[in-house]
Every structure is written in C-alpha cells, then in structure tokens.
C-alpha cells in the first residue's frame, strides 16, 4: 500500500501504519503514539484479548521518505504508555522537547534531518521502541536497526 497523501496515516494489510514524511524526517512521537491510540479502536477492542495480544505483538509504524524508510516497533508497551500519558498532559511541551533534541543534534552534527529526528525520538521514547531504517544509499537498501550511541545515530551491527 502506498503512503497516504498529505502525511495521512493508512492502515496496511498487516495491521501496521504507514505515511509519508516529504521533508525526509524520521518518525515523530505523534507517529509512534498512533500505536497506543489504536489500542482503543472499537473494532480492535470488540475482537477480544487474543486480537489485542496479536496487535501488541506485531504492531508497527512505517514512515516513508525519499531517502529511505523507517519502521518502529514497540519494545515495552508500559513505557510507551507512560510516555503517551506525559504527551497527553502537555502535547505542545512534548513536541517542543522533541524539536529541541533534534535541534541540538543538527547543531552538533549538521547532518541529515532523519538522523536528528531519530536522535530526538530516542531521547524521548528510546526505552520503549525499536527503530529500523532502510537507507537506499547504504546496506543495499536493506533495513537495519539504529542505535543512539551517545549523540551519534549509527547502524547497529547485527552480525
């Protein structure tokens, strides 16, 4: 399925979500929090505990950019829920914090917007999520996990 127009998220055939980021930024907290918000969807809730467990075990968000794509999965639902509650209490403040972290990264490394957004996301949600990146210029276009190593976002060597 292609990404939704105007950045609109679309449900994929397998229960994940995808949408485009034309500015090539990586996933934002707003993107990731769709995973939490979907848990209260009536269609999911009405199907029962088995379906909810399946959703929790396989949910993902995909962000499509011209430089490469990102996939986020949940590592710890409890920590993600706690971050979502903090976000819900002050969405503007949470988003400001995200932008501030990205700005710090850009000042330090003057690098791609995608790396700055992944750094910011890892500062706010790193203990609760896994992030994978497909870089069309590296690794033959395959996906690799990314890791925040201090200030630098690097591919995680899985070999």
Protein backbone atom coordinates (compact mmCIF):
# COMPACT_ATOMS: atom_id res chain seq x y z
CA UNK A 1 0.00 0.00 0.00
CA UNK A 2 1.28 3.45 -0.79
CA UNK A 3 1.62 6.10 1.86
CA UNK A 4 -1.32 8.36 2.46
CA UNK A 5 -1.39 11.78 0.85
CA UNK A 6 -0.60 14.85 2.93
CA UNK A 7 1.11 12.66 5.51
CA UNK A 8 -2.16 10.90 6.38
CA UNK A 9 -1.61 7.53 8.01
CA UNK A 10 -3.11 4.50 6.35
CA UNK A 11 -3.70 1.05 7.77
CA UNK A 12 -1.72 -1.55 5.85
CA UNK A 13 -2.91 -5.05 5.06
CA UNK A 14 -0.97 -6.46 8.02
CA UNK A 15 -2.12 -4.02 10.71
CA UNK A 16 0.81 -1.63 10.56
CA UNK A 17 0.54 2.04 9.69
CA UNK A 18 2.43 3.99 7.07
CA UNK A 19 2.57 7.53 5.80
CA UNK A 20 4.98 9.90 4.09
CA UNK A 21 7.35 12.50 5.51
CA UNK A 22 8.16 14.63 2.46
CA UNK A 23 10.85 16.55 4.39
CA UNK A 24 12.78 13.29 4.97
CA UNK A 25 12.49 13.44 8.75
CA UNK A 26 12.24 10.17 10.61
CA UNK A 27 9.30 9.10 12.76
CA UNK A 28 7.98 11.58 15.30
CA UNK A 29 6.36 10.88 18.66
CA UNK A 30 3.00 11.64 17.03
CA UNK A 31 3.64 8.79 14.58
CA UNK A 32 4.62 6.34 17.31
CA UNK A 33 1.70 7.27 19.55
CA UNK A 34 -0.70 6.05 16.85
CA UNK A 35 0.29 2.59 18.06
CA UNK A 36 -1.12 3.39 21.52
CA UNK A 37 -4.19 5.17 20.17
CA UNK A 38 -5.11 2.17 18.03
CA UNK A 39 -5.48 0.04 21.16
CA UNK A 40 -8.74 1.85 21.90
CA UNK A 41 -10.22 1.42 18.41
CA UNK A 42 -13.68 -0.17 18.78
CA UNK A 43 -13.02 -2.70 16.02
CA UNK A 44 -9.93 -3.97 17.85
CA UNK A 45 -11.43 -3.86 21.34
CA UNK A 46 -14.54 -5.77 20.22
CA UNK A 47 -12.47 -8.67 18.88
CA UNK A 48 -11.14 -9.56 22.33
CA UNK A 49 -7.93 -10.29 24.17
CA UNK A 50 -6.42 -12.60 21.53
CA UNK A 51 -6.65 -9.94 18.83
CA UNK A 52 -5.26 -7.28 21.16
CA UNK A 53 -2.32 -9.54 22.02
CA UNK A 54 -1.73 -10.15 18.31
CA UNK A 55 -1.80 -6.40 17.69
CA UNK A 56 0.67 -5.74 20.51
CA UNK A 57 2.99 -8.47 19.23
CA UNK A 58 3.01 -7.28 15.62
CA UNK A 59 2.14 -3.57 15.50
CA UNK A 60 4.45 -1.21 13.64
CA UNK A 61 4.53 2.24 12.11
CA UNK A 62 6.31 2.91 8.82
CA UNK A 63 7.41 6.37 7.73
CA UNK A 64 8.22 6.76 4.04
CA UNK A 65 10.80 9.31 2.86
CA UNK A 66 12.69 9.84 -0.38
CA UNK A 67 15.98 8.99 1.38
CA UNK A 68 14.80 5.75 2.94
CA UNK A 69 12.06 4.40 5.13
CA UNK A 70 11.73 3.85 8.87
CA UNK A 71 9.86 1.17 10.79
CA UNK A 72 9.14 1.46 14.51
CA UNK A 73 8.04 -1.44 16.69
CA UNK A 74 7.24 -1.48 20.39
CA UNK A 75 9.83 -2.85 22.81
CA UNK A 76 7.97 -2.02 26.05
CA UNK A 77 4.25 -1.15 25.96
CA UNK A 78 4.23 0.03 29.59
CA UNK A 79 6.99 2.57 28.97
CA UNK A 80 5.35 3.69 25.74
CA UNK A 81 2.02 4.14 27.56
CA UNK A 82 3.75 6.24 30.25
CA UNK A 83 5.33 8.46 27.58
CA UNK A 84 1.95 8.77 25.86
CA UNK A 85 0.34 9.90 29.11
CA UNK A 86 3.07 12.52 29.55
CA UNK A 87 2.46 13.63 25.96
CA UNK A 88 -1.32 13.77 26.55
CA UNK A 89 -0.80 16.03 29.57
CA UNK A 90 1.15 18.60 27.51
CA UNK A 91 1.31 17.85 23.76
CA UNK A 92 2.87 21.20 22.90
CA UNK A 93 5.57 20.87 25.54
CA UNK A 94 6.35 17.31 24.49
CA UNK A 95 6.63 18.35 20.83
CA UNK A 96 8.84 21.31 21.82
CA UNK A 97 11.14 18.92 23.68
CA UNK A 98 11.30 16.69 20.58
CA UNK A 99 12.21 19.67 18.37
CA UNK A 100 14.79 20.87 20.90
CA UNK A 101 16.56 17.49 20.91
CA UNK A 102 16.55 17.44 17.09
CA UNK A 103 17.97 20.98 17.02
CA UNK A 104 20.78 20.01 19.39
CA UNK A 105 21.68 17.10 17.13
CA UNK A 106 21.64 19.26 14.00
CA UNK A 107 23.88 21.87 15.65
CA UNK A 108 26.35 19.21 16.75
CA UNK A 109 26.48 17.19 13.53
CA UNK A 110 24.98 19.33 10.72
CA UNK A 111 23.65 16.13 9.24
CA UNK A 112 20.52 14.75 7.67
CA UNK A 113 17.16 15.63 9.15
CA UNK A 114 16.34 11.92 9.51
CA UNK A 115 19.20 11.31 11.93
CA UNK A 116 18.24 14.34 14.01
CA UNK A 117 14.64 13.19 14.31
CA UNK A 118 15.73 9.66 15.25
CA UNK A 119 18.05 11.09 17.91
CA UNK A 120 15.20 13.20 19.32
CA UNK A 121 12.82 10.23 19.24
CA UNK A 122 15.37 8.05 21.02
CA UNK A 123 15.78 10.66 23.77
CA UNK A 124 12.05 10.66 24.46
CA UNK A 125 10.98 7.10 23.64
CA UNK A 126 14.18 5.08 23.26
CA UNK A 127 13.49 2.66 26.12
CA UNK A 128 10.07 1.79 24.69
CA UNK A 129 10.68 1.34 20.95
CA UNK A 130 12.88 -0.26 18.30
CA UNK A 131 13.71 1.77 15.19
CA UNK A 132 14.77 0.27 11.87
CA UNK A 133 15.93 2.26 8.87
CA UNK A 134 16.17 1.47 5.21
CA UNK A 135 18.80 3.68 3.66
CA UNK A 136 18.81 3.46 -0.10
CA UNK A 137 22.45 4.56 -0.15
CA UNK A 138 23.75 2.09 2.46
CA UNK A 139 23.45 -1.64 3.06
CA UNK A 140 21.96 -2.26 -0.38
CA UNK A 141 18.68 -0.70 0.66
CA UNK A 142 18.02 -3.26 3.40
CA UNK A 143 16.61 -2.38 6.81
CA UNK A 144 18.89 -2.20 9.82
CA UNK A 145 18.27 -1.35 13.47
CA UNK A 146 19.53 2.05 14.55
CA UNK A 147 21.03 2.82 17.91
CA UNK A 148 21.68 6.05 19.74
CA UNK A 149 25.35 5.83 20.76
CA UNK A 150 25.66 8.97 22.84
CA UNK A 151 24.94 11.73 20.35
CA UNK A 152 25.55 9.71 17.20
CA UNK A 153 22.88 7.64 15.47
CA UNK A 154 24.51 4.58 13.92
CA UNK A 155 23.53 1.31 12.27
CA UNK A 156 23.52 -1.49 14.82
CA UNK A 157 25.79 -4.29 13.65
CA UNK A 158 23.70 -7.45 13.77
CA UNK A 159 26.41 -9.83 12.55
